[in-house]
Structure formats: structure tokens, C-alpha cells
């Protein structure tokens, strides 16, 4: 099985990576697939290390087939003169009985998917990237509008 890797250069420049994996068994769950994806995101290249701190997905149940999104907070240690940071990552995923495919999109690209849960947004470190700021605001507003009780606690 081949996995798409999100390299440090792709994270830094906001590029996307795309990969596709065949499901070995028809009973393979979304949880197992997500675990495999995020294992492929854990990259150690030189002094650059990144791994997923927290994630949530929008699939209604673990054996869902069809499209869904995965929202993740990815820790990236400081490379060159940058400090360590936690950035948002959107994974657009599709699961069929025969295949599972996914595409990584950095928050710096202002992804269209904007249902990132507040519990993931709260992990992200401050940024000056304009598209990332816009995406974070869009996601937070979307969550507050969908869940009125969250507005009262915010």
C-alpha cells in the first residue's frame, strides 16, 4: 500500500498532496483508514517533524461510504528560523467498498470545507497567514451558528 506524504515543503508552501489506497477488507472502518493516513503524515525529514495532535471527522458512522472531511491539528517543529507551530489540515476523503482516497489541503490554502470543530481549532497556534486566518474565522463562525449553545460559552 502506498500513502501520500505531506512533506515539510508542502506544509510550508501550502501545496496539497493526493493519494489513493485500496481497502483490503470490506469491513475496514473509517477509524482504521484515518489511522493509516495520519501515520503517513508523521514525517521525519532532517530536523522537521510533524504529527497529528487532535482530529475529528464528519462521517456519520465508522462504516460510512461516500465523501467526508477530516479536520486535524498538525504539530510542526521549527525548521530553519521558524518556531514550532500547530497548523490546521483538512483531509477530503472518499470511501467506497473497494477503495479509500484522500487529499490533504493546508489551512493556508483557505479550503472550502469549513466545518472544523472548535476542539480542533483550539489546538492551533496563532498565525499571520491571511488565508489561514480567514479559514479559521469561517470555521469558528460556522460552528457557532450551527451550535447556539457554543455561542453562550464563547
N, C-alpha and C. Protein backbone atom coordinates (compact mmCIF):
# COMPACT_ATOMS: atom_id res chain seq x y z
N UNK A 1 0.84 -1.18 0.00
CA UNK A 1 0.00 0.00 0.00
C UNK A 1 0.89 1.24 0.00
N UNK A 2 0.56 2.20 -0.83
CA UNK A 2 1.32 3.44 -0.89
C UNK A 2 0.48 4.56 -0.29
N UNK A 3 1.12 5.40 0.49
CA UNK A 3 0.43 6.52 1.11
C UNK A 3 1.01 7.81 0.58
N UNK A 4 0.18 8.81 0.49
CA UNK A 4 0.63 10.13 0.11
C UNK A 4 1.23 10.78 1.34
N UNK A 5 2.39 11.36 1.21
CA UNK A 5 3.04 12.01 2.35
C UNK A 5 2.98 13.52 2.19
N UNK A 6 2.67 14.19 3.28
CA UNK A 6 2.67 15.64 3.30
C UNK A 6 4.04 16.05 3.80
N UNK A 7 4.91 16.51 2.89
CA UNK A 7 6.26 16.85 3.29
C UNK A 7 6.31 18.22 3.91
N UNK A 8 7.42 18.51 4.54
CA UNK A 8 7.58 19.81 5.19
C UNK A 8 7.48 20.94 4.16
N UNK A 9 8.05 20.72 2.97
CA UNK A 9 7.96 21.75 1.93
C UNK A 9 6.51 22.00 1.53
N UNK A 10 5.71 20.96 1.45
CA UNK A 10 4.31 21.12 1.08
C UNK A 10 3.55 21.88 2.16
N UNK A 11 3.86 21.61 3.42
CA UNK A 11 3.19 22.32 4.51
C UNK A 11 3.60 23.79 4.49
N UNK A 12 4.87 24.05 4.29
CA UNK A 12 5.38 25.41 4.33
C UNK A 12 4.84 26.24 3.16
N UNK A 13 4.75 25.66 1.98
CA UNK A 13 4.32 26.41 0.81
C UNK A 13 2.82 26.32 0.58
N UNK A 14 2.14 25.49 1.35
CA UNK A 14 0.69 25.39 1.20
C UNK A 14 0.27 24.50 0.03
N UNK A 15 1.15 23.63 -0.44
CA UNK A 15 0.79 22.73 -1.53
C UNK A 15 -0.09 21.62 -1.00
N UNK A 16 -0.75 20.94 -1.89
CA UNK A 16 -1.56 19.79 -1.48
C UNK A 16 -0.95 18.52 -2.02
N UNK A 17 -1.24 17.43 -1.36
CA UNK A 17 -0.80 16.12 -1.82
C UNK A 17 -2.03 15.25 -1.97
N UNK A 18 -1.97 14.30 -2.88
CA UNK A 18 -3.13 13.44 -3.08
C UNK A 18 -2.68 12.00 -3.17
N UNK A 19 -3.45 11.11 -2.60
CA UNK A 19 -3.09 9.71 -2.65
C UNK A 19 -4.33 8.84 -2.65
N UNK A 20 -4.16 7.60 -3.01
CA UNK A 20 -5.28 6.68 -3.01
C UNK A 20 -4.79 5.33 -2.52
N UNK A 21 -5.60 4.67 -1.71
CA UNK A 21 -5.23 3.40 -1.14
C UNK A 21 -6.38 2.42 -1.31
N UNK A 22 -6.07 1.19 -1.63
CA UNK A 22 -7.12 0.18 -1.72
C UNK A 22 -7.43 -0.36 -0.34
N UNK A 23 -8.69 -0.58 -0.07
CA UNK A 23 -9.12 -1.17 1.19
C UNK A 23 -8.96 -2.68 1.06
N UNK A 24 -8.25 -3.31 1.99
CA UNK A 24 -8.02 -4.75 1.90
C UNK A 24 -9.27 -5.55 2.21
N UNK A 25 -10.02 -5.12 3.21
CA UNK A 25 -11.22 -5.84 3.60
C UNK A 25 -12.41 -4.91 3.51
N UNK A 26 -13.55 -5.45 3.18
CA UNK A 26 -14.75 -4.62 3.09
C UNK A 26 -15.15 -4.06 4.44
N UNK A 27 -14.67 -4.65 5.53
CA UNK A 27 -15.04 -4.18 6.87
C UNK A 27 -14.11 -3.10 7.40
N UNK A 28 -13.11 -2.70 6.61
CA UNK A 28 -12.19 -1.67 7.07
C UNK A 28 -12.98 -0.42 7.42
N UNK A 29 -12.76 0.09 8.61
CA UNK A 29 -13.53 1.24 9.10
C UNK A 29 -12.85 2.55 8.78
N UNK A 30 -13.59 3.62 8.92
CA UNK A 30 -13.04 4.96 8.74
C UNK A 30 -11.95 5.22 9.77
N UNK A 31 -12.15 4.75 10.99
CA UNK A 31 -11.14 4.94 12.04
C UNK A 31 -9.82 4.31 11.63
N UNK A 32 -9.86 3.09 11.07
CA UNK A 32 -8.64 2.42 10.62
C UNK A 32 -7.99 3.19 9.46
N UNK A 33 -8.82 3.68 8.55
CA UNK A 33 -8.30 4.43 7.40
C UNK A 33 -7.64 5.73 7.86
N UNK A 34 -8.29 6.43 8.79
CA UNK A 34 -7.72 7.69 9.30
C UNK A 34 -6.39 7.42 10.00
N UNK A 35 -6.32 6.35 10.76
CA UNK A 35 -5.08 5.99 11.43
C UNK A 35 -3.96 5.80 10.40
N UNK A 36 -4.26 5.13 9.30
CA UNK A 36 -3.26 4.92 8.24
C UNK A 36 -2.84 6.23 7.59
N UNK A 37 -3.80 7.11 7.33
CA UNK A 37 -3.48 8.41 6.72
C UNK A 37 -2.54 9.19 7.63
N UNK A 38 -2.90 9.28 8.90
CA UNK A 38 -2.11 10.12 9.80
C UNK A 38 -0.76 9.50 10.12
N UNK A 39 -0.64 8.19 9.99
CA UNK A 39 0.66 7.56 10.12
C UNK A 39 1.56 8.04 8.98
N UNK A 40 0.96 8.25 7.80
CA UNK A 40 1.74 8.72 6.65
C UNK A 40 2.09 10.19 6.77
N UNK A 41 1.36 10.94 7.61
CA UNK A 41 1.66 12.36 7.79
C UNK A 41 2.85 12.55 8.72
N UNK A 42 3.09 11.57 9.60
CA UNK A 42 4.20 11.67 10.54
C UNK A 42 5.50 11.55 9.75
N UNK A 43 6.14 12.66 9.53
CA UNK A 43 7.31 12.71 8.67
C UNK A 43 8.51 13.15 9.50
N UNK A 44 9.62 12.53 9.27
CA UNK A 44 10.86 12.95 9.89
C UNK A 44 11.85 13.18 8.77
N UNK A 45 12.07 14.44 8.41
CA UNK A 45 12.99 14.81 7.34
C UNK A 45 13.97 15.82 7.89
N UNK A 46 15.20 15.44 8.10
CA UNK A 46 16.16 16.35 8.70
C UNK A 46 15.70 16.68 10.11
N UNK A 47 15.53 17.96 10.39
CA UNK A 47 15.09 18.39 11.71
C UNK A 47 13.60 18.67 11.75
N UNK A 48 12.89 18.35 10.70
CA UNK A 48 11.47 18.70 10.62
C UNK A 48 10.65 17.49 11.05
N UNK A 49 9.78 17.70 12.01
CA UNK A 49 8.91 16.61 12.46
C UNK A 49 7.50 17.14 12.54
N UNK A 50 6.56 16.37 12.09
CA UNK A 50 5.16 16.78 12.20
C UNK A 50 4.33 15.57 12.57
N UNK A 51 3.33 15.79 13.40
CA UNK A 51 2.40 14.73 13.75
C UNK A 51 1.08 15.33 14.18
N UNK A 52 0.05 14.54 14.10
CA UNK A 52 -1.30 14.99 14.38
C UNK A 52 -1.54 14.98 15.89
N UNK A 53 -1.96 16.14 16.42
CA UNK A 53 -2.28 16.24 17.84
C UNK A 53 -3.73 15.85 18.13
N UNK A 54 -4.63 16.26 17.26
CA UNK A 54 -6.06 16.05 17.52
C UNK A 54 -6.78 16.05 16.18
N UNK A 55 -7.85 15.28 16.05
CA UNK A 55 -8.61 15.28 14.80
C UNK A 55 -10.06 14.90 15.06
N UNK A 56 -10.92 15.27 14.12
CA UNK A 56 -12.34 14.91 14.11
C UNK A 56 -12.74 14.70 12.66
N UNK A 57 -13.74 13.84 12.43
CA UNK A 57 -14.23 13.66 11.06
C UNK A 57 -15.73 13.87 11.02
N UNK A 58 -16.25 14.11 9.80
CA UNK A 58 -17.66 14.43 9.62
C UNK A 58 -18.51 13.24 9.18
N UNK A 59 -17.91 12.06 9.07
CA UNK A 59 -18.68 10.88 8.66
C UNK A 59 -19.70 10.54 9.75
N UNK A 60 -20.92 10.19 9.36
CA UNK A 60 -21.96 9.92 10.36
C UNK A 60 -21.72 8.66 11.19
N UNK A 61 -20.96 7.70 10.67
CA UNK A 61 -20.64 6.48 11.41
C UNK A 61 -19.38 5.87 10.83
N UNK A 62 -18.81 4.91 11.55
CA UNK A 62 -17.50 4.37 11.21
C UNK A 62 -17.47 3.55 9.92
N UNK A 63 -18.59 3.04 9.47
CA UNK A 63 -18.62 2.25 8.23
C UNK A 63 -19.24 3.03 7.07
N UNK A 64 -19.28 4.35 7.20
CA UNK A 64 -19.86 5.24 6.18
C UNK A 64 -19.14 5.06 4.84
N UNK A 65 -19.89 5.06 3.74
CA UNK A 65 -19.29 5.12 2.42
C UNK A 65 -19.74 6.43 1.79
N UNK A 66 -18.85 7.04 1.04
CA UNK A 66 -19.13 8.34 0.43
C UNK A 66 -18.08 9.34 0.86
N UNK A 67 -18.38 10.61 0.62
CA UNK A 67 -17.43 11.68 0.93
C UNK A 67 -17.59 12.16 2.37
N UNK A 68 -16.47 12.58 2.95
CA UNK A 68 -16.48 13.21 4.27
C UNK A 68 -15.17 13.97 4.44
N UNK A 69 -15.09 14.78 5.48
CA UNK A 69 -13.89 15.55 5.75
C UNK A 69 -13.30 15.12 7.09
N UNK A 70 -11.98 15.26 7.17
CA UNK A 70 -11.27 15.04 8.42
C UNK A 70 -10.55 16.35 8.71
N UNK A 71 -10.70 16.86 9.91
CA UNK A 71 -10.04 18.09 10.31
C UNK A 71 -8.99 17.73 11.36
N UNK A 72 -7.76 18.24 11.19
CA UNK A 72 -6.69 17.87 12.10
C UNK A 72 -5.84 19.08 12.49
N UNK A 73 -5.30 19.01 13.69
CA UNK A 73 -4.31 19.97 14.17
C UNK A 73 -2.96 19.26 14.07
N UNK A 74 -2.06 19.78 13.25
CA UNK A 74 -0.78 19.14 12.99
C UNK A 74 0.34 19.94 13.63
N UNK A 75 1.10 19.30 14.51
CA UNK A 75 2.26 19.93 15.13
C UNK A 75 3.44 19.85 14.17
N UNK A 76 4.12 20.97 13.97
CA UNK A 76 5.31 21.02 13.12
C UNK A 76 6.40 21.70 13.93
N UNK A 77 7.51 20.98 14.17
CA UNK A 77 8.56 21.63 14.96
C UNK A 77 9.26 22.66 14.10
N UNK A 78 9.98 23.57 14.72
CA UNK A 78 10.58 24.69 13.98
C UNK A 78 11.65 24.24 13.01
N UNK A 79 11.54 24.69 11.78
CA UNK A 79 12.58 24.43 10.79
C UNK A 79 13.22 25.76 10.44
N UNK A 80 14.50 25.73 10.17
CA UNK A 80 15.29 26.93 9.89
C UNK A 80 15.09 27.92 11.03
N UNK A 81 14.52 29.09 10.77
CA UNK A 81 14.37 30.10 11.81
C UNK A 81 12.94 30.21 12.31
N UNK A 82 12.09 29.26 11.98
CA UNK A 82 10.70 29.31 12.41
C UNK A 82 10.53 28.57 13.73
N UNK A 83 9.58 29.06 14.51
CA UNK A 83 9.25 28.43 15.78
C UNK A 83 8.32 27.24 15.55
N UNK A 84 8.27 26.30 16.50
CA UNK A 84 7.28 25.22 16.37
C UNK A 84 5.87 25.81 16.31
N UNK A 85 4.99 25.11 15.60
CA UNK A 85 3.63 25.63 15.44
C UNK A 85 2.66 24.47 15.25
N UNK A 86 1.39 24.79 15.40
CA UNK A 86 0.33 23.82 15.14
C UNK A 86 -0.57 24.43 14.08
N UNK A 87 -0.69 23.77 12.94
CA UNK A 87 -1.48 24.27 11.82
C UNK A 87 -2.68 23.37 11.57
N UNK A 88 -3.68 23.95 10.92
CA UNK A 88 -4.87 23.19 10.54
C UNK A 88 -4.64 22.44 9.24
N UNK A 89 -5.22 21.27 9.15
CA UNK A 89 -5.13 20.45 7.95
C UNK A 89 -6.51 19.86 7.68
N UNK A 90 -6.95 19.97 6.44
CA UNK A 90 -8.21 19.37 6.03
C UNK A 90 -7.86 18.19 5.13
N UNK A 91 -8.51 17.07 5.38
CA UNK A 91 -8.35 15.91 4.52
C UNK A 91 -9.72 15.63 3.90
N UNK A 92 -9.82 15.80 2.59
CA UNK A 92 -11.05 15.45 1.88
C UNK A 92 -10.94 13.97 1.55
N UNK A 93 -11.90 13.19 2.00
CA UNK A 93 -11.81 11.74 1.85
C UNK A 93 -13.07 11.17 1.21
N UNK A 94 -12.89 10.07 0.50
CA UNK A 94 -13.99 9.33 -0.09
C UNK A 94 -13.75 7.85 0.19
N UNK A 95 -14.77 7.19 0.69
CA UNK A 95 -14.67 5.76 0.97
C UNK A 95 -15.76 5.02 0.21
N UNK A 96 -15.36 4.02 -0.55
CA UNK A 96 -16.28 3.12 -1.24
C UNK A 96 -15.99 1.72 -0.71
N UNK A 97 -16.80 0.73 -1.07
CA UNK A 97 -16.49 -0.64 -0.62
C UNK A 97 -15.13 -1.14 -1.12
N UNK A 98 -14.64 -0.57 -2.23
CA UNK A 98 -13.40 -1.07 -2.82
C UNK A 98 -12.18 -0.18 -2.64
N UNK A 99 -12.37 1.08 -2.31
CA UNK A 99 -11.22 1.99 -2.25
C UNK A 99 -11.45 3.11 -1.25
N UNK A 100 -10.35 3.67 -0.81
CA UNK A 100 -10.37 4.83 0.07
C UNK A 100 -9.39 5.83 -0.53
N UNK A 101 -9.84 7.03 -0.83
CA UNK A 101 -8.94 8.04 -1.38
C UNK A 101 -9.04 9.30 -0.55
N UNK A 102 -7.98 10.09 -0.60
CA UNK A 102 -7.94 11.30 0.22
C UNK A 102 -7.05 12.35 -0.40
N UNK A 103 -7.24 13.58 0.03
CA UNK A 103 -6.45 14.71 -0.46
C UNK A 103 -6.21 15.64 0.71
N UNK A 104 -4.95 16.00 0.95
CA UNK A 104 -4.60 16.94 2.00
C UNK A 104 -4.74 18.37 1.49
N UNK A 105 -5.29 19.26 2.32
CA UNK A 105 -5.33 20.68 1.99
C UNK A 105 -4.93 21.46 3.23
N UNK A 106 -3.89 22.25 3.11
CA UNK A 106 -3.41 23.07 4.22
C UNK A 106 -4.37 24.23 4.49
N UNK A 107 -4.44 24.67 5.73
CA UNK A 107 -5.29 25.82 6.06
C UNK A 107 -4.83 27.08 5.32
N UNK A 108 -3.56 27.12 4.92
CA UNK A 108 -3.02 28.28 4.20
C UNK A 108 -3.62 28.44 2.81
N UNK A 109 -4.32 27.41 2.33
CA UNK A 109 -4.97 27.48 1.02
C UNK A 109 -6.44 27.87 1.12
N UNK A 110 -6.92 28.20 2.33
CA UNK A 110 -8.32 28.56 2.57
C UNK A 110 -9.25 27.51 1.98
N UNK A 111 -9.22 26.29 2.54
CA UNK A 111 -10.06 25.22 1.99
C UNK A 111 -11.54 25.59 2.03
N UNK A 112 -12.29 25.05 1.07
CA UNK A 112 -13.73 25.31 1.02
C UNK A 112 -14.44 24.67 2.21
N UNK A 113 -13.97 23.50 2.63
CA UNK A 113 -14.57 22.81 3.78
C UNK A 113 -14.34 23.64 5.03
N UNK A 114 -15.43 24.02 5.69
CA UNK A 114 -15.30 24.95 6.83
C UNK A 114 -16.09 24.49 8.05
N UNK A 115 -16.14 23.18 8.28
CA UNK A 115 -16.86 22.65 9.44
C UNK A 115 -15.90 22.15 10.51
N UNK A 116 -14.71 22.72 10.55
CA UNK A 116 -13.71 22.29 11.53
C UNK A 116 -14.24 22.52 12.94
N UNK A 117 -14.26 21.49 13.77
CA UNK A 117 -14.77 21.64 15.13
C UNK A 117 -13.90 22.58 15.97
N UNK A 118 -14.52 23.26 16.89
CA UNK A 118 -13.80 24.20 17.75
C UNK A 118 -12.73 23.48 18.56
N UNK A 119 -12.97 22.22 18.93
CA UNK A 119 -11.97 21.48 19.70
C UNK A 119 -10.67 21.31 18.92
N UNK A 120 -10.73 21.26 17.59
CA UNK A 120 -9.52 21.21 16.76
C UNK A 120 -8.94 22.61 16.61
N UNK A 121 -9.80 23.61 16.35
CA UNK A 121 -9.33 24.99 16.20
C UNK A 121 -8.59 25.48 17.44
N UNK A 122 -9.01 25.04 18.61
CA UNK A 122 -8.38 25.48 19.85
C UNK A 122 -6.95 24.99 19.99
N UNK A 123 -6.56 23.95 19.26
CA UNK A 123 -5.18 23.46 19.29
C UNK A 123 -4.23 24.32 18.46
N UNK A 124 -4.76 25.07 17.48
CA UNK A 124 -3.93 25.78 16.52
C UNK A 124 -3.23 26.97 17.17
N UNK A 125 -1.97 27.17 16.79
CA UNK A 125 -1.21 28.31 17.31
C UNK A 125 -1.50 29.54 16.46
N UNK A 126 -1.28 30.73 17.01
CA UNK A 126 -1.53 31.96 16.24
C UNK A 126 -0.70 31.98 14.95
N UNK A 127 -1.27 32.61 13.93
CA UNK A 127 -0.60 32.70 12.63
C UNK A 127 -0.81 34.09 12.05
N UNK A 128 0.05 34.44 11.10
CA UNK A 128 -0.12 35.70 10.37
C UNK A 128 -0.53 35.45 8.92
N UNK A 129 -0.69 34.17 8.56
CA UNK A 129 -1.08 33.82 7.20
C UNK A 129 -2.52 34.26 6.96
N UNK A 130 -2.77 35.17 5.99
CA UNK A 130 -4.12 35.71 5.81
C UNK A 130 -5.17 34.66 5.46
N UNK A 131 -4.84 33.69 4.59
CA UNK A 131 -5.84 32.69 4.22
C UNK A 131 -6.13 31.76 5.38
N UNK A 132 -5.13 31.45 6.17
CA UNK A 132 -5.34 30.61 7.35
C UNK A 132 -6.23 31.32 8.37
N UNK A 133 -5.98 32.61 8.58
CA UNK A 133 -6.81 33.40 9.50
C UNK A 133 -8.26 33.44 9.02
N UNK A 134 -8.44 33.64 7.72
CA UNK A 134 -9.78 33.70 7.15
C UNK A 134 -10.49 32.35 7.33
N UNK A 135 -9.78 31.25 7.05
CA UNK A 135 -10.37 29.92 7.18
C UNK A 135 -10.75 29.63 8.63
N UNK A 136 -9.88 29.97 9.56
CA UNK A 136 -10.17 29.73 10.98
C UNK A 136 -11.41 30.50 11.43
N UNK A 137 -11.52 31.76 11.00
CA UNK A 137 -12.68 32.58 11.36
C UNK A 137 -13.95 31.98 10.75
N UNK A 138 -13.86 31.58 9.48
CA UNK A 138 -15.00 30.98 8.78
C UNK A 138 -15.46 29.71 9.50
N UNK A 139 -14.52 28.88 9.93
CA UNK A 139 -14.86 27.64 10.64
C UNK A 139 -15.48 27.93 11.99
N UNK A 140 -14.89 28.84 12.72
CA UNK A 140 -15.41 29.17 14.06
C UNK A 140 -16.83 29.72 13.95
N UNK A 141 -17.05 30.63 12.99
CA UNK A 141 -18.39 31.19 12.80
C UNK A 141 -19.39 30.12 12.39
N UNK A 142 -18.96 29.20 11.54
CA UNK A 142 -19.83 28.11 11.11
C UNK A 142 -20.25 27.25 12.30
N UNK A 143 -19.29 26.93 13.16
CA UNK A 143 -19.60 26.11 14.34
C UNK A 143 -20.51 26.85 15.32
N UNK A 144 -20.25 28.14 15.52
CA UNK A 144 -21.08 28.91 16.45
C UNK A 144 -22.51 29.07 15.92
N UNK A 145 -22.67 29.16 14.60
CA UNK A 145 -24.01 29.27 14.02
C UNK A 145 -24.75 27.94 14.06
N UNK A 146 -24.03 26.83 13.96
CA UNK A 146 -24.67 25.51 13.98
C UNK A 146 -25.03 25.08 15.40
N UNK A 147 -24.26 25.54 16.36
CA UNK A 147 -24.45 25.12 17.75
C UNK A 147 -24.62 26.35 18.64
N UNK A 148 -25.84 26.87 18.77
CA UNK A 148 -26.07 28.11 19.52
C UNK A 148 -25.56 28.08 20.96
N UNK A 149 -25.53 26.92 21.60
CA UNK A 149 -25.03 26.86 22.97
C UNK A 149 -23.54 27.18 23.06
N UNK A 150 -22.80 26.91 21.99
CA UNK A 150 -21.38 27.26 21.97
C UNK A 150 -21.19 28.77 22.01
N UNK A 151 -22.13 29.51 21.38
CA UNK A 151 -22.04 30.97 21.39
C UNK A 151 -22.09 31.51 22.81
N UNK A 152 -22.91 30.89 23.64
CA UNK A 152 -23.06 31.36 25.02
C UNK A 152 -21.79 31.14 25.82
N UNK A 153 -21.03 30.10 25.51
CA UNK A 153 -19.80 29.82 26.26
C UNK A 153 -18.59 30.51 25.66
N UNK A 154 -18.72 31.04 24.43
CA UNK A 154 -17.57 31.68 23.76
C UNK A 154 -17.35 33.09 24.25
